[in-house]
Amino acid sequence: MISIDRFEEILSDLAEEIPQSFYEELEPGYLLHPEDRNGTLYVMGQYRIDPAMGKYIVMYYGSFKRAYRHLDEDELTEEMRKVLRHEFRHHVEGRAGVRDL
C-alpha cells in the first residue's frame, strides 16, 4: 500500500482534473465551540474516531481564516503547528489508554 503522503499527492492531482467551476459553492468549514456566546470562539481542529473513517485529525481552514486572517504566513504556520500538535496529543493519549479526551 502507498503511504498517506503519496495518497494525498495523488488525490491532489486527481482534484486538479476536475473543472474549477465544479468547486463553486464548496466552502471551507468552520466550527464554533459549543460554549461560544458571540460567534468568535472557533474550533480550530479535532481528533476524531469514527467507525467508518477510522482515526483522523480535522483542521478547519474556515476557522483559521476567520480567527487569524490578520496573521502573516509565518504567524499562521505557528498557530497551525500548535493546533496540529494539540490534536496529535489527543491521539497519543488515546493510544496510551487515556479516555475521556
N, C-alpha and C. Protein backbone atom coordinates (compact mmCIF):
# COMPACT_ATOMS: atom_id res chain seq x y z
N MET A 1 0.86 -1.20 0.00
CA MET A 1 0.00 0.00 0.00
C MET A 1 0.89 1.24 0.00
N ILE A 2 0.45 2.27 -0.68
CA ILE A 2 1.21 3.51 -0.73
C ILE A 2 1.08 4.25 0.62
N SER A 3 1.98 5.18 0.86
CA SER A 3 1.94 5.97 2.09
C SER A 3 0.80 6.98 2.04
N ILE A 4 0.45 7.48 3.20
CA ILE A 4 -0.61 8.51 3.26
C ILE A 4 -0.17 9.77 2.51
N ASP A 5 1.13 10.09 2.56
CA ASP A 5 1.62 11.27 1.84
C ASP A 5 1.42 11.10 0.33
N ARG A 6 1.75 9.90 -0.17
CA ARG A 6 1.57 9.65 -1.61
C ARG A 6 0.08 9.65 -1.97
N PHE A 7 -0.74 9.09 -1.09
CA PHE A 7 -2.19 9.10 -1.30
C PHE A 7 -2.67 10.53 -1.45
N GLU A 8 -2.22 11.43 -0.57
CA GLU A 8 -2.63 12.84 -0.63
C GLU A 8 -2.14 13.50 -1.92
N GLU A 9 -0.92 13.16 -2.35
CA GLU A 9 -0.40 13.71 -3.60
C GLU A 9 -1.27 13.29 -4.78
N ILE A 10 -1.60 12.01 -4.83
CA ILE A 10 -2.43 11.50 -5.93
C ILE A 10 -3.80 12.16 -5.89
N LEU A 11 -4.38 12.25 -4.70
CA LEU A 11 -5.69 12.88 -4.57
C LEU A 11 -5.65 14.34 -5.03
N SER A 12 -4.59 15.03 -4.68
CA SER A 12 -4.44 16.42 -5.12
C SER A 12 -4.38 16.50 -6.64
N ASP A 13 -3.62 15.61 -7.25
CA ASP A 13 -3.54 15.58 -8.72
C ASP A 13 -4.90 15.28 -9.34
N LEU A 14 -5.62 14.33 -8.76
CA LEU A 14 -6.95 13.98 -9.28
C LEU A 14 -7.91 15.15 -9.13
N ALA A 15 -7.81 15.87 -8.01
CA ALA A 15 -8.69 17.01 -7.79
C ALA A 15 -8.45 18.10 -8.84
N GLU A 16 -7.23 18.22 -9.32
CA GLU A 16 -6.92 19.21 -10.34
C GLU A 16 -7.54 18.85 -11.69
N GLU A 17 -7.91 17.59 -11.88
CA GLU A 17 -8.57 17.18 -13.13
C GLU A 17 -10.02 17.65 -13.20
N ILE A 18 -10.60 17.97 -12.07
CA ILE A 18 -11.99 18.41 -12.00
C ILE A 18 -12.05 19.89 -12.40
N PRO A 19 -12.96 20.27 -13.26
CA PRO A 19 -13.06 21.68 -13.66
C PRO A 19 -13.28 22.59 -12.45
N GLN A 20 -12.62 23.73 -12.47
CA GLN A 20 -12.71 24.68 -11.36
C GLN A 20 -14.15 25.08 -11.06
N SER A 21 -14.97 25.18 -12.08
CA SER A 21 -16.36 25.60 -11.87
C SER A 21 -17.13 24.62 -10.98
N PHE A 22 -16.69 23.37 -10.95
CA PHE A 22 -17.36 22.38 -10.10
C PHE A 22 -17.15 22.69 -8.61
N TYR A 23 -16.10 23.42 -8.32
CA TYR A 23 -15.77 23.72 -6.92
C TYR A 23 -16.56 24.91 -6.37
N GLU A 24 -17.29 25.60 -7.23
CA GLU A 24 -18.07 26.74 -6.77
C GLU A 24 -19.05 26.31 -5.70
N GLU A 25 -19.18 27.12 -4.71
CA GLU A 25 -20.07 26.94 -3.57
C GLU A 25 -19.62 25.85 -2.60
N LEU A 26 -18.45 25.24 -2.85
CA LEU A 26 -17.84 24.40 -1.83
C LEU A 26 -17.02 25.35 -0.96
N GLU A 27 -17.37 25.46 0.27
CA GLU A 27 -16.71 26.42 1.12
C GLU A 27 -15.99 25.74 2.26
N PRO A 28 -14.86 26.32 2.67
CA PRO A 28 -14.14 25.74 3.79
C PRO A 28 -14.97 25.83 5.07
N GLY A 29 -14.98 24.74 5.79
CA GLY A 29 -15.79 24.70 7.00
C GLY A 29 -15.16 25.42 8.17
N TYR A 30 -15.98 25.89 9.04
CA TYR A 30 -15.54 26.38 10.33
C TYR A 30 -16.52 25.84 11.35
N LEU A 31 -16.06 25.79 12.58
CA LEU A 31 -16.89 25.21 13.62
C LEU A 31 -16.80 26.09 14.86
N LEU A 32 -17.94 26.51 15.36
CA LEU A 32 -17.97 27.27 16.59
C LEU A 32 -17.97 26.32 17.78
N HIS A 33 -17.25 26.69 18.81
CA HIS A 33 -17.18 25.89 20.04
C HIS A 33 -18.56 25.84 20.68
N PRO A 34 -18.92 24.71 21.29
CA PRO A 34 -20.24 24.61 21.93
C PRO A 34 -20.50 25.68 22.99
N GLU A 35 -19.45 26.22 23.60
CA GLU A 35 -19.62 27.26 24.62
C GLU A 35 -19.55 28.67 24.05
N ASP A 36 -19.47 28.79 22.74
CA ASP A 36 -19.43 30.11 22.10
C ASP A 36 -20.68 30.91 22.45
N ARG A 37 -20.48 32.18 22.73
CA ARG A 37 -21.61 33.05 23.06
C ARG A 37 -21.79 34.21 22.08
N ASN A 38 -20.72 34.54 21.33
CA ASN A 38 -20.83 35.71 20.46
C ASN A 38 -20.26 35.49 19.05
N GLY A 39 -20.13 34.23 18.65
CA GLY A 39 -19.67 33.95 17.30
C GLY A 39 -18.20 34.14 17.05
N THR A 40 -17.37 34.04 18.11
CA THR A 40 -15.93 34.24 17.93
C THR A 40 -15.07 33.14 18.55
N LEU A 41 -15.68 32.11 19.12
CA LEU A 41 -14.91 31.03 19.75
C LEU A 41 -14.93 29.83 18.80
N TYR A 42 -13.88 29.74 18.00
CA TYR A 42 -13.81 28.73 16.95
C TYR A 42 -13.10 27.48 17.41
N VAL A 43 -13.54 26.33 16.88
CA VAL A 43 -12.79 25.08 16.99
C VAL A 43 -11.84 25.08 15.80
N MET A 44 -10.55 24.95 16.09
CA MET A 44 -9.55 25.02 15.04
C MET A 44 -9.23 23.64 14.46
N GLY A 45 -9.36 22.63 15.31
CA GLY A 45 -9.08 21.26 14.86
C GLY A 45 -9.77 20.27 15.78
N GLN A 46 -9.86 19.04 15.33
CA GLN A 46 -10.45 17.98 16.13
C GLN A 46 -9.75 16.66 15.84
N TYR A 47 -9.59 15.88 16.90
CA TYR A 47 -9.16 14.49 16.76
C TYR A 47 -10.43 13.67 16.80
N ARG A 48 -10.63 12.84 15.79
CA ARG A 48 -11.89 12.10 15.69
C ARG A 48 -11.62 10.61 15.57
N ILE A 49 -12.54 9.85 16.13
CA ILE A 49 -12.55 8.40 15.98
C ILE A 49 -13.93 8.05 15.45
N ASP A 50 -13.95 7.48 14.26
CA ASP A 50 -15.20 7.18 13.60
C ASP A 50 -15.16 5.72 13.11
N PRO A 51 -16.20 4.94 13.36
CA PRO A 51 -16.18 3.54 12.93
C PRO A 51 -15.94 3.38 11.42
N ALA A 52 -16.47 4.27 10.63
CA ALA A 52 -16.33 4.15 9.18
C ALA A 52 -15.04 4.78 8.66
N MET A 53 -14.62 5.88 9.28
CA MET A 53 -13.47 6.64 8.77
C MET A 53 -12.17 6.34 9.50
N GLY A 54 -12.27 5.71 10.65
CA GLY A 54 -11.06 5.44 11.43
C GLY A 54 -10.70 6.63 12.30
N LYS A 55 -9.43 6.72 12.65
CA LYS A 55 -8.92 7.82 13.48
C LYS A 55 -8.31 8.87 12.55
N TYR A 56 -8.66 10.11 12.78
CA TYR A 56 -8.14 11.16 11.92
C TYR A 56 -8.22 12.52 12.61
N ILE A 57 -7.51 13.46 12.05
CA ILE A 57 -7.49 14.83 12.56
C ILE A 57 -8.10 15.74 11.50
N VAL A 58 -8.97 16.62 11.94
CA VAL A 58 -9.57 17.62 11.06
C VAL A 58 -9.00 18.98 11.44
N MET A 59 -8.53 19.70 10.45
CA MET A 59 -8.10 21.09 10.65
C MET A 59 -9.09 21.96 9.88
N TYR A 60 -9.71 22.91 10.57
CA TYR A 60 -10.75 23.72 9.95
C TYR A 60 -10.17 24.99 9.34
N TYR A 61 -9.92 24.92 8.04
CA TYR A 61 -9.39 26.08 7.32
C TYR A 61 -10.28 27.30 7.55
N GLY A 62 -11.59 27.11 7.49
CA GLY A 62 -12.51 28.22 7.67
C GLY A 62 -12.38 28.88 9.03
N SER A 63 -12.13 28.08 10.07
CA SER A 63 -11.93 28.65 11.41
C SER A 63 -10.64 29.46 11.46
N PHE A 64 -9.57 28.91 10.87
CA PHE A 64 -8.31 29.66 10.82
C PHE A 64 -8.49 30.96 10.05
N LYS A 65 -9.21 30.88 8.93
CA LYS A 65 -9.43 32.06 8.09
C LYS A 65 -10.17 33.15 8.86
N ARG A 66 -11.17 32.76 9.63
CA ARG A 66 -11.95 33.74 10.39
C ARG A 66 -11.18 34.29 11.59
N ALA A 67 -10.48 33.42 12.28
CA ALA A 67 -9.82 33.84 13.53
C ALA A 67 -8.47 34.51 13.31
N TYR A 68 -7.76 34.11 12.26
CA TYR A 68 -6.38 34.56 12.08
C TYR A 68 -6.13 35.26 10.75
N ARG A 69 -7.13 35.86 10.18
CA ARG A 69 -6.97 36.50 8.87
C ARG A 69 -5.93 37.62 8.88
N HIS A 70 -5.62 38.16 10.04
CA HIS A 70 -4.67 39.26 10.15
C HIS A 70 -3.21 38.79 10.23
N LEU A 71 -2.98 37.49 10.39
CA LEU A 71 -1.62 36.98 10.55
C LEU A 71 -0.92 36.81 9.21
N ASP A 72 0.39 36.98 9.23
CA ASP A 72 1.15 36.66 8.02
C ASP A 72 1.37 35.14 7.98
N GLU A 73 1.97 34.65 6.91
CA GLU A 73 2.10 33.21 6.73
C GLU A 73 2.90 32.54 7.84
N ASP A 74 3.99 33.16 8.28
CA ASP A 74 4.80 32.57 9.34
C ASP A 74 4.02 32.48 10.64
N GLU A 75 3.29 33.53 10.98
CA GLU A 75 2.50 33.52 12.20
C GLU A 75 1.37 32.49 12.12
N LEU A 76 0.74 32.41 10.95
CA LEU A 76 -0.32 31.43 10.76
C LEU A 76 0.23 30.01 10.86
N THR A 77 1.39 29.80 10.28
CA THR A 77 2.03 28.48 10.36
C THR A 77 2.25 28.08 11.80
N GLU A 78 2.66 29.00 12.65
CA GLU A 78 2.88 28.69 14.06
C GLU A 78 1.56 28.33 14.75
N GLU A 79 0.49 29.03 14.44
CA GLU A 79 -0.81 28.69 15.03
C GLU A 79 -1.27 27.31 14.55
N MET A 80 -1.05 27.02 13.27
CA MET A 80 -1.41 25.71 12.74
C MET A 80 -0.60 24.62 13.43
N ARG A 81 0.68 24.88 13.64
CA ARG A 81 1.55 23.92 14.34
C ARG A 81 1.01 23.61 15.73
N LYS A 82 0.60 24.64 16.46
CA LYS A 82 0.07 24.46 17.81
C LYS A 82 -1.17 23.58 17.79
N VAL A 83 -2.08 23.85 16.87
CA VAL A 83 -3.33 23.08 16.80
C VAL A 83 -3.04 21.64 16.40
N LEU A 84 -2.20 21.45 15.39
CA LEU A 84 -1.90 20.09 14.94
C LEU A 84 -1.26 19.28 16.05
N ARG A 85 -0.33 19.87 16.78
CA ARG A 85 0.32 19.15 17.89
C ARG A 85 -0.67 18.87 19.01
N HIS A 86 -1.58 19.79 19.25
CA HIS A 86 -2.61 19.58 20.26
C HIS A 86 -3.46 18.36 19.89
N GLU A 87 -3.87 18.28 18.64
CA GLU A 87 -4.71 17.17 18.20
C GLU A 87 -3.94 15.86 18.21
N PHE A 88 -2.66 15.88 17.85
CA PHE A 88 -1.85 14.67 17.94
C PHE A 88 -1.67 14.24 19.39
N ARG A 89 -1.66 15.19 20.30
CA ARG A 89 -1.58 14.86 21.72
C ARG A 89 -2.79 14.00 22.11
N HIS A 90 -3.97 14.35 21.61
CA HIS A 90 -5.15 13.53 21.88
C HIS A 90 -4.97 12.11 21.33
N HIS A 91 -4.41 12.01 20.15
CA HIS A 91 -4.18 10.71 19.53
C HIS A 91 -3.22 9.87 20.38
N VAL A 92 -2.13 10.47 20.81
CA VAL A 92 -1.15 9.75 21.63
C VAL A 92 -1.75 9.36 22.98
N GLU A 93 -2.54 10.25 23.55
CA GLU A 93 -3.23 9.91 24.81
C GLU A 93 -4.15 8.71 24.61
N GLY A 94 -4.88 8.69 23.51
CA GLY A 94 -5.76 7.56 23.23
C GLY A 94 -4.99 6.26 23.07
N ARG A 95 -3.85 6.33 22.40
CA ARG A 95 -3.02 5.13 22.23
C ARG A 95 -2.47 4.65 23.56
N ALA A 96 -2.30 5.59 24.51
CA ALA A 96 -1.78 5.23 25.84
C ALA A 96 -2.89 4.76 26.77
N GLY A 97 -4.13 4.78 26.28
CA GLY A 97 -5.23 4.30 27.10
C GLY A 97 -5.94 5.37 27.89
N VAL A 98 -5.61 6.62 27.68
CA VAL A 98 -6.28 7.72 28.36
C VAL A 98 -7.62 7.93 27.67
N ARG A 99 -8.69 7.94 28.41
CA ARG A 99 -10.02 8.11 27.83
C ARG A 99 -10.59 9.47 28.21
N ASP A 100 -11.79 9.71 27.76
CA ASP A 100 -12.47 10.99 28.02
C ASP A 100 -11.66 12.16 27.50
N LEU A 101 -11.24 12.04 26.24
CA LEU A 101 -10.47 13.10 25.63
C LEU A 101 -11.37 14.26 25.37
